[in-house]
Amino acid sequence: MANPTRDLEIDRWISEAANGVQLAHWGLAAPLVSWFEVKGALVDPYGNDVVPYRKIRRHYDIFHYGFS
């Protein structure tokens, strides 16, 4: 998404976008889609939840940018 639209008015995302954070620009967009992807943790062979290291801070990205 090279030039995302600005469809949402979430103050913290607007602030991050104004600081040049590209994820926040994308987070403010709400394009029409015909499908979406659900993501979650993985389960190991013993039934334990496993979260890949690069996804541990996903909640931070979503809170601040609306996008992960």
PDB file of N, CA and C in Angstrom:
ATOM      1  N   MET A   1       0.860  -1.176   0.000  1.00  0.00           N
ATOM      2  CA  MET A   1       0.000   0.000   0.000  1.00  0.00           C
ATOM      3  C   MET A   1       0.903   1.235   0.000  1.00  0.00           C
ATOM      4  N   ALA A   2       1.157   1.780  -1.140  1.00  0.00           N
ATOM      5  CA  ALA A   2       2.081   2.900  -1.272  1.00  0.00           C
ATOM      6  C   ALA A   2       1.521   4.196  -0.683  1.00  0.00           C
ATOM      7  N   ASN A   3       0.284   4.517  -0.978  1.00  0.00           N
ATOM      8  CA  ASN A   3      -0.350   5.730  -0.477  1.00  0.00           C
ATOM      9  C   ASN A   3      -1.657   5.379   0.226  1.00  0.00           C
ATOM     10  N   PRO A   4      -1.571   4.961   1.487  1.00  0.00           N
ATOM     11  CA  PRO A   4      -2.794   4.565   2.179  1.00  0.00           C
ATOM     12  C   PRO A   4      -3.741   5.749   2.388  1.00  0.00           C
ATOM     13  N   THR A   5      -5.030   5.460   2.378  1.00  0.00           N
ATOM     14  CA  THR A   5      -6.026   6.493   2.654  1.00  0.00           C
ATOM     15  C   THR A   5      -6.085   6.723   4.159  1.00  0.00           C
ATOM     16  N   ARG A   6      -6.663   7.823   4.575  1.00  0.00           N
ATOM     17  CA  ARG A   6      -6.840   8.087   6.004  1.00  0.00           C
ATOM     18  C   ARG A   6      -8.330   8.027   6.282  1.00  0.00           C
ATOM     19  N   ASP A   7      -8.757   6.867   6.785  1.00  0.00           N
ATOM     20  CA  ASP A   7     -10.173   6.611   7.014  1.00  0.00           C
ATOM     21  C   ASP A   7     -10.559   6.632   8.488  1.00  0.00           C
ATOM     22  N   LEU A   8      -9.586   6.561   9.379  1.00  0.00           N
ATOM     23  CA  LEU A   8      -9.865   6.476  10.812  1.00  0.00           C
ATOM     24  C   LEU A   8      -9.305   7.691  11.540  1.00  0.00           C
ATOM     25  N   GLU A   9      -9.890   8.034  12.667  1.00  0.00           N
ATOM     26  CA  GLU A   9      -9.444   9.171  13.478  1.00  0.00           C
ATOM     27  C   GLU A   9      -9.061   8.661  14.874  1.00  0.00           C
ATOM     28  N   ILE A  10      -7.918   8.011  14.966  1.00  0.00           N
ATOM     29  CA  ILE A  10      -7.413   7.500  16.238  1.00  0.00           C
ATOM     30  C   ILE A  10      -6.223   8.382  16.613  1.00  0.00           C
ATOM     31  N   ASP A  11      -6.385   9.198  17.665  1.00  0.00           N
ATOM     32  CA  ASP A  11      -5.393  10.225  17.989  1.00  0.00           C
ATOM     33  C   ASP A  11      -3.970   9.691  18.104  1.00  0.00           C
ATOM     34  N   ARG A  12      -3.761   8.573  18.820  1.00  0.00           N
ATOM     35  CA  ARG A  12      -2.379   8.097  18.996  1.00  0.00           C
ATOM     36  C   ARG A  12      -1.783   7.625  17.674  1.00  0.00           C
ATOM     37  N   TRP A  13      -2.606   7.084  16.775  1.00  0.00           N
ATOM     38  CA  TRP A  13      -2.102   6.653  15.462  1.00  0.00           C
ATOM     39  C   TRP A  13      -1.811   7.872  14.588  1.00  0.00           C
ATOM     40  N   ILE A  14      -2.660   8.893  14.683  1.00  0.00           N
ATOM     41  CA  ILE A  14      -2.433  10.138  13.943  1.00  0.00           C
ATOM     42  C   ILE A  14      -1.121  10.772  14.399  1.00  0.00           C
ATOM     43  N   SER A  15      -0.878  10.775  15.713  1.00  0.00           N
ATOM     44  CA  SER A  15       0.347  11.330  16.262  1.00  0.00           C
ATOM     45  C   SER A  15       1.573  10.568  15.756  1.00  0.00           C
ATOM     46  N   GLU A  16       1.502   9.243  15.777  1.00  0.00           N
ATOM     47  CA  GLU A  16       2.623   8.431  15.288  1.00  0.00           C
ATOM     48  C   GLU A  16       2.839   8.660  13.787  1.00  0.00           C
ATOM     49  N   ALA A  17       1.759   8.764  13.027  1.00  0.00           N
ATOM     50  CA  ALA A  17       1.877   9.016  11.585  1.00  0.00           C
ATOM     51  C   ALA A  17       2.523  10.376  11.340  1.00  0.00           C
ATOM     52  N   ALA A  18       2.164  11.375  12.150  1.00  0.00           N
ATOM     53  CA  ALA A  18       2.754  12.707  12.016  1.00  0.00           C
ATOM     54  C   ALA A  18       4.256  12.684  12.316  1.00  0.00           C
ATOM     55  N   ASN A  19       4.684  11.704  13.126  1.00  0.00           N
ATOM     56  CA  ASN A  19       6.113  11.541  13.437  1.00  0.00           C
ATOM     57  C   ASN A  19       6.837  10.725  12.372  1.00  0.00           C
ATOM     58  N   GLY A  20       6.120  10.360  11.314  1.00  0.00           N
ATOM     59  CA  GLY A  20       6.745   9.655  10.202  1.00  0.00           C
ATOM     60  C   GLY A  20       6.735   8.139  10.291  1.00  0.00           C
ATOM     61  N   VAL A  21       5.954   7.567  11.211  1.00  0.00           N
ATOM     62  CA  VAL A  21       5.901   6.114  11.357  1.00  0.00           C
ATOM     63  C   VAL A  21       4.974   5.540  10.286  1.00  0.00           C
ATOM     64  N   GLN A  22       5.540   4.819   9.313  1.00  0.00           N
ATOM     65  CA  GLN A  22       4.756   4.299   8.188  1.00  0.00           C
ATOM     66  C   GLN A  22       3.666   3.326   8.646  1.00  0.00           C
ATOM     67  N   LEU A  23       3.953   2.502   9.663  1.00  0.00           N
ATOM     68  CA  LEU A  23       2.921   1.577  10.158  1.00  0.00           C
ATOM     69  C   LEU A  23       1.683   2.335  10.608  1.00  0.00           C
ATOM     70  N   ALA A  24       1.862   3.489  11.213  1.00  0.00           N
ATOM     71  CA  ALA A  24       0.722   4.289  11.664  1.00  0.00           C
ATOM     72  C   ALA A  24      -0.070   4.837  10.483  1.00  0.00           C
ATOM     73  N   HIS A  25       0.598   5.222   9.404  1.00  0.00           N
ATOM     74  CA  HIS A  25      -0.110   5.657   8.189  1.00  0.00           C
ATOM     75  C   HIS A  25      -1.009   4.524   7.689  1.00  0.00           C
ATOM     76  N   TRP A  26      -0.463   3.314   7.651  1.00  0.00           N
ATOM     77  CA  TRP A  26      -1.247   2.157   7.196  1.00  0.00           C
ATOM     78  C   TRP A  26      -2.366   1.840   8.181  1.00  0.00           C
ATOM     79  N   GLY A  27      -2.110   2.014   9.488  1.00  0.00           N
ATOM     80  CA  GLY A  27      -3.122   1.736  10.505  1.00  0.00           C
ATOM     81  C   GLY A  27      -4.337   2.646  10.398  1.00  0.00           C
ATOM     82  N   LEU A  28      -4.155   3.848   9.866  1.00  0.00           N
ATOM     83  CA  LEU A  28      -5.272   4.789   9.717  1.00  0.00           C
ATOM     84  C   LEU A  28      -6.152   4.475   8.512  1.00  0.00           C
ATOM     85  N   ALA A  29      -5.700   3.585   7.663  1.00  0.00           N
ATOM     86  CA  ALA A  29      -6.474   3.211   6.480  1.00  0.00           C
ATOM     87  C   ALA A  29      -7.455   2.103   6.825  1.00  0.00           C
ATOM     88  N   ALA A  30      -8.628   2.170   6.272  1.00  0.00           N
ATOM     89  CA  ALA A  30      -9.647   1.135   6.462  1.00  0.00           C
ATOM     90  C   ALA A  30     -10.235   0.789   5.092  1.00  0.00           C
ATOM     91  N   PRO A  31      -9.422   0.185   4.232  1.00  0.00           N
ATOM     92  CA  PRO A  31      -9.915  -0.131   2.889  1.00  0.00           C
ATOM     93  C   PRO A  31     -10.964  -1.234   2.915  1.00  0.00           C
ATOM     94  N   LEU A  32     -11.809  -1.240   1.913  1.00  0.00           N
ATOM     95  CA  LEU A  32     -12.792  -2.307   1.774  1.00  0.00           C
ATOM     96  C   LEU A  32     -12.077  -3.562   1.293  1.00  0.00           C
ATOM     97  N   VAL A  33     -12.363  -4.676   1.938  1.00  0.00           N
ATOM     98  CA  VAL A  33     -11.746  -5.947   1.547  1.00  0.00           C
ATOM     99  C   VAL A  33     -12.817  -7.032   1.497  1.00  0.00           C
ATOM    100  N   SER A  34     -12.519  -8.091   0.793  1.00  0.00           N
ATOM    101  CA  SER A  34     -13.469  -9.205   0.706  1.00  0.00           C
ATOM    102  C   SER A  34     -13.033 -10.379   1.579  1.00  0.00           C
ATOM    103  N   TRP A  35     -11.860 -10.273   2.212  1.00  0.00           N
ATOM    104  CA  TRP A  35     -11.372 -11.314   3.112  1.00  0.00           C
ATOM    105  C   TRP A  35     -10.417 -10.690   4.123  1.00  0.00           C
ATOM    106  N   PHE A  36     -10.174 -11.389   5.207  1.00  0.00           N
ATOM    107  CA  PHE A  36      -9.178 -10.953   6.172  1.00  0.00           C
ATOM    108  C   PHE A  36      -8.493 -12.175   6.757  1.00  0.00           C
ATOM    109  N   GLU A  37      -7.365 -11.948   7.383  1.00  0.00           N
ATOM    110  CA  GLU A  37      -6.542 -13.023   7.895  1.00  0.00           C
ATOM    111  C   GLU A  37      -6.533 -12.959   9.424  1.00  0.00           C
ATOM    112  N   VAL A  38      -6.796 -14.081  10.069  1.00  0.00           N
ATOM    113  CA  VAL A  38      -6.756 -14.163  11.530  1.00  0.00           C
ATOM    114  C   VAL A  38      -5.418 -14.770  11.917  1.00  0.00           C
ATOM    115  N   LYS A  39      -4.702 -14.108  12.829  1.00  0.00           N
ATOM    116  CA  LYS A  39      -3.396 -14.587  13.247  1.00  0.00           C
ATOM    117  C   LYS A  39      -3.405 -14.858  14.742  1.00  0.00           C
ATOM    118  N   GLY A  40      -2.599 -15.803  15.139  1.00  0.00           N
ATOM    119  CA  GLY A  40      -2.522 -16.125  16.563  1.00  0.00           C
ATOM    120  C   GLY A  40      -1.218 -16.817  16.880  1.00  0.00           C
ATOM    121  N   ALA A  41      -1.152 -17.374  18.071  1.00  0.00           N
ATOM    122  CA  ALA A  41       0.043 -18.090  18.515  1.00  0.00           C
ATOM    123  C   ALA A  41       0.046 -19.502  17.938  1.00  0.00           C
ATOM    124  N   LEU A  42       1.158 -20.154  18.099  1.00  0.00           N
ATOM    125  CA  LEU A  42       1.305 -21.525  17.646  1.00  0.00           C
ATOM    126  C   LEU A  42       1.232 -22.458  18.854  1.00  0.00           C
ATOM    127  N   VAL A  43       0.989 -23.731  18.602  1.00  0.00           N
ATOM    128  CA  VAL A  43       0.950 -24.729  19.669  1.00  0.00           C
ATOM    129  C   VAL A  43       2.000 -25.785  19.341  1.00  0.00           C
ATOM    130  N   ASP A  44       2.864 -26.079  20.333  1.00  0.00           N
ATOM    131  CA  ASP A  44       3.894 -27.089  20.094  1.00  0.00           C
ATOM    132  C   ASP A  44       3.291 -28.492  20.251  1.00  0.00           C
ATOM    133  N   PRO A  45       4.049 -29.540  19.961  1.00  0.00           N
ATOM    134  CA  PRO A  45       3.515 -30.908  20.035  1.00  0.00           C
ATOM    135  C   PRO A  45       3.011 -31.316  21.422  1.00  0.00           C
ATOM    136  N   TYR A  46       3.390 -30.551  22.459  1.00  0.00           N
ATOM    137  CA  TYR A  46       2.976 -30.872  23.831  1.00  0.00           C
ATOM    138  C   TYR A  46       1.780 -30.045  24.298  1.00  0.00           C
ATOM    139  N   GLY A  47       1.239 -29.220  23.397  1.00  0.00           N
ATOM    140  CA  GLY A  47       0.071 -28.412  23.737  1.00  0.00           C
ATOM    141  C   GLY A  47       0.380 -27.060  24.343  1.00  0.00           C
ATOM    142  N   ASN A  48       1.640 -26.664  24.352  1.00  0.00           N
ATOM    143  CA  ASN A  48       2.037 -25.360  24.909  1.00  0.00           C
ATOM    144  C   ASN A  48       1.948 -24.276  23.845  1.00  0.00           C
ATOM    145  N   ASP A  49       1.450 -23.090  24.253  1.00  0.00           N
ATOM    146  CA  ASP A  49       1.433 -21.946  23.341  1.00  0.00           C
ATOM    147  C   ASP A  49       2.863 -21.494  23.082  1.00  0.00           C
ATOM    148  N   VAL A  50       3.165 -21.202  21.839  1.00  0.00           N
ATOM    149  CA  VAL A  50       4.491 -20.726  21.451  1.00  0.00           C
ATOM    150  C   VAL A  50       4.292 -19.475  20.599  1.00  0.00           C
ATOM    151  N   VAL A  51       4.888 -18.375  21.036  1.00  0.00           N
ATOM    152  CA  VAL A  51       4.802 -17.134  20.276  1.00  0.00           C
ATOM    153  C   VAL A  51       6.188 -16.837  19.714  1.00  0.00           C
ATOM    154  N   PRO A  52       6.321 -16.757  18.392  1.00  0.00           N
ATOM    155  CA  PRO A  52       7.624 -16.431  17.816  1.00  0.00           C
ATOM    156  C   PRO A  52       8.150 -15.109  18.360  1.00  0.00           C
ATOM    157  N   TYR A  53       9.455 -15.028  18.552  1.00  0.00           N
ATOM    158  CA  TYR A  53      10.088 -13.861  19.161  1.00  0.00           C
ATOM    159  C   TYR A  53       9.677 -12.555  18.495  1.00  0.00           C
ATOM    160  N   ARG A  54       9.646 -12.515  17.171  1.00  0.00           N
ATOM    161  CA  ARG A  54       9.337 -11.252  16.490  1.00  0.00           C
ATOM    162  C   ARG A  54       7.876 -10.829  16.657  1.00  0.00           C
ATOM    163  N   LYS A  55       7.026 -11.694  17.219  1.00  0.00           N
ATOM    164  CA  LYS A  55       5.618 -11.355  17.400  1.00  0.00           C
ATOM    165  C   LYS A  55       5.265 -10.999  18.850  1.00  0.00           C
ATOM    166  N   ILE A  56       6.240 -11.086  19.742  1.00  0.00           N
ATOM    167  CA  ILE A  56       5.978 -10.822  21.157  1.00  0.00           C
ATOM    168  C   ILE A  56       5.477  -9.401  21.382  1.00  0.00           C
ATOM    169  N   ARG A  57       5.997  -8.446  20.628  1.00  0.00           N
ATOM    170  CA  ARG A  57       5.590  -7.041  20.795  1.00  0.00           C
ATOM    171  C   ARG A  57       4.444  -6.636  19.873  1.00  0.00           C
ATOM    172  N   ARG A  58       3.743  -7.595  19.286  1.00  0.00           N
ATOM    173  CA  ARG A  58       2.648  -7.284  18.364  1.00  0.00           C
ATOM    174  C   ARG A  58       1.602  -6.386  19.026  1.00  0.00           C
ATOM    175  N   HIS A  59       1.297  -6.616  20.303  1.00  0.00           N
ATOM    176  CA  HIS A  59       0.311  -5.781  20.997  1.00  0.00           C
ATOM    177  C   HIS A  59       0.743  -4.321  21.025  1.00  0.00           C
ATOM    178  N   TYR A  60       2.047  -4.074  21.160  1.00  0.00           N
ATOM    179  CA  TYR A  60       2.567  -2.709  21.157  1.00  0.00           C
ATOM    180  C   TYR A  60       2.323  -2.051  19.800  1.00  0.00           C
ATOM    181  N   ASP A  61       2.640  -2.759  18.731  1.00  0.00           N
ATOM    182  CA  ASP A  61       2.440  -2.221  17.392  1.00  0.00           C
ATOM    183  C   ASP A  61       0.970  -1.904  17.130  1.00  0.00           C
ATOM    184  N   ILE A  62       0.092  -2.812  17.489  1.00  0.00           N
ATOM    185  CA  ILE A  62      -1.344  -2.595  17.257  1.00  0.00           C
ATOM    186  C   ILE A  62      -1.850  -1.409  18.060  1.00  0.00           C
ATOM    187  N   PHE A  63      -1.429  -1.309  19.327  1.00  0.00           N
ATOM    188  CA  PHE A  63      -1.875  -0.192  20.173  1.00  0.00           C
ATOM    189  C   PHE A  63      -1.400   1.143  19.614  1.00  0.00           C
ATOM    190  N   HIS A  64      -0.137   1.228  19.211  1.00  0.00           N
ATOM    191  CA  HIS A  64       0.427   2.497  18.773  1.00  0.00           C
ATOM    192  C   HIS A  64       0.181   2.836  17.317  1.00  0.00           C
ATOM    193  N   TYR A  65       0.077   1.810  16.470  1.00  0.00           N
ATOM    194  CA  TYR A  65      -0.008   2.053  15.040  1.00  0.00           C
ATOM    195  C   TYR A  65      -1.268   1.519  14.393  1.00  0.00           C
ATOM    196  N   GLY A  66      -1.996   0.640  15.099  1.00  0.00           N
ATOM    197  CA  GLY A  66      -3.188   0.040  14.518  1.00  0.00           C
ATOM    198  C   GLY A  66      -2.868  -1.028  13.494  1.00  0.00           C
ATOM    199  N   PHE A  67      -1.607  -1.466  13.497  1.00  0.00           N
ATOM    200  CA  PHE A  67      -1.149  -2.360  12.450  1.00  0.00           C
ATOM    201  C   PHE A  67       0.001  -3.191  12.978  1.00  0.00           C
ATOM    202  N   SER A  68       0.072  -4.425  12.525  1.00  0.00           N
ATOM    203  CA  SER A  68       1.175  -5.285  12.958  1.00  0.00           C
ATOM    204  C   SER A  68       1.711  -6.039  11.754  1.00  0.00           C
TER     205      SER A  68
END
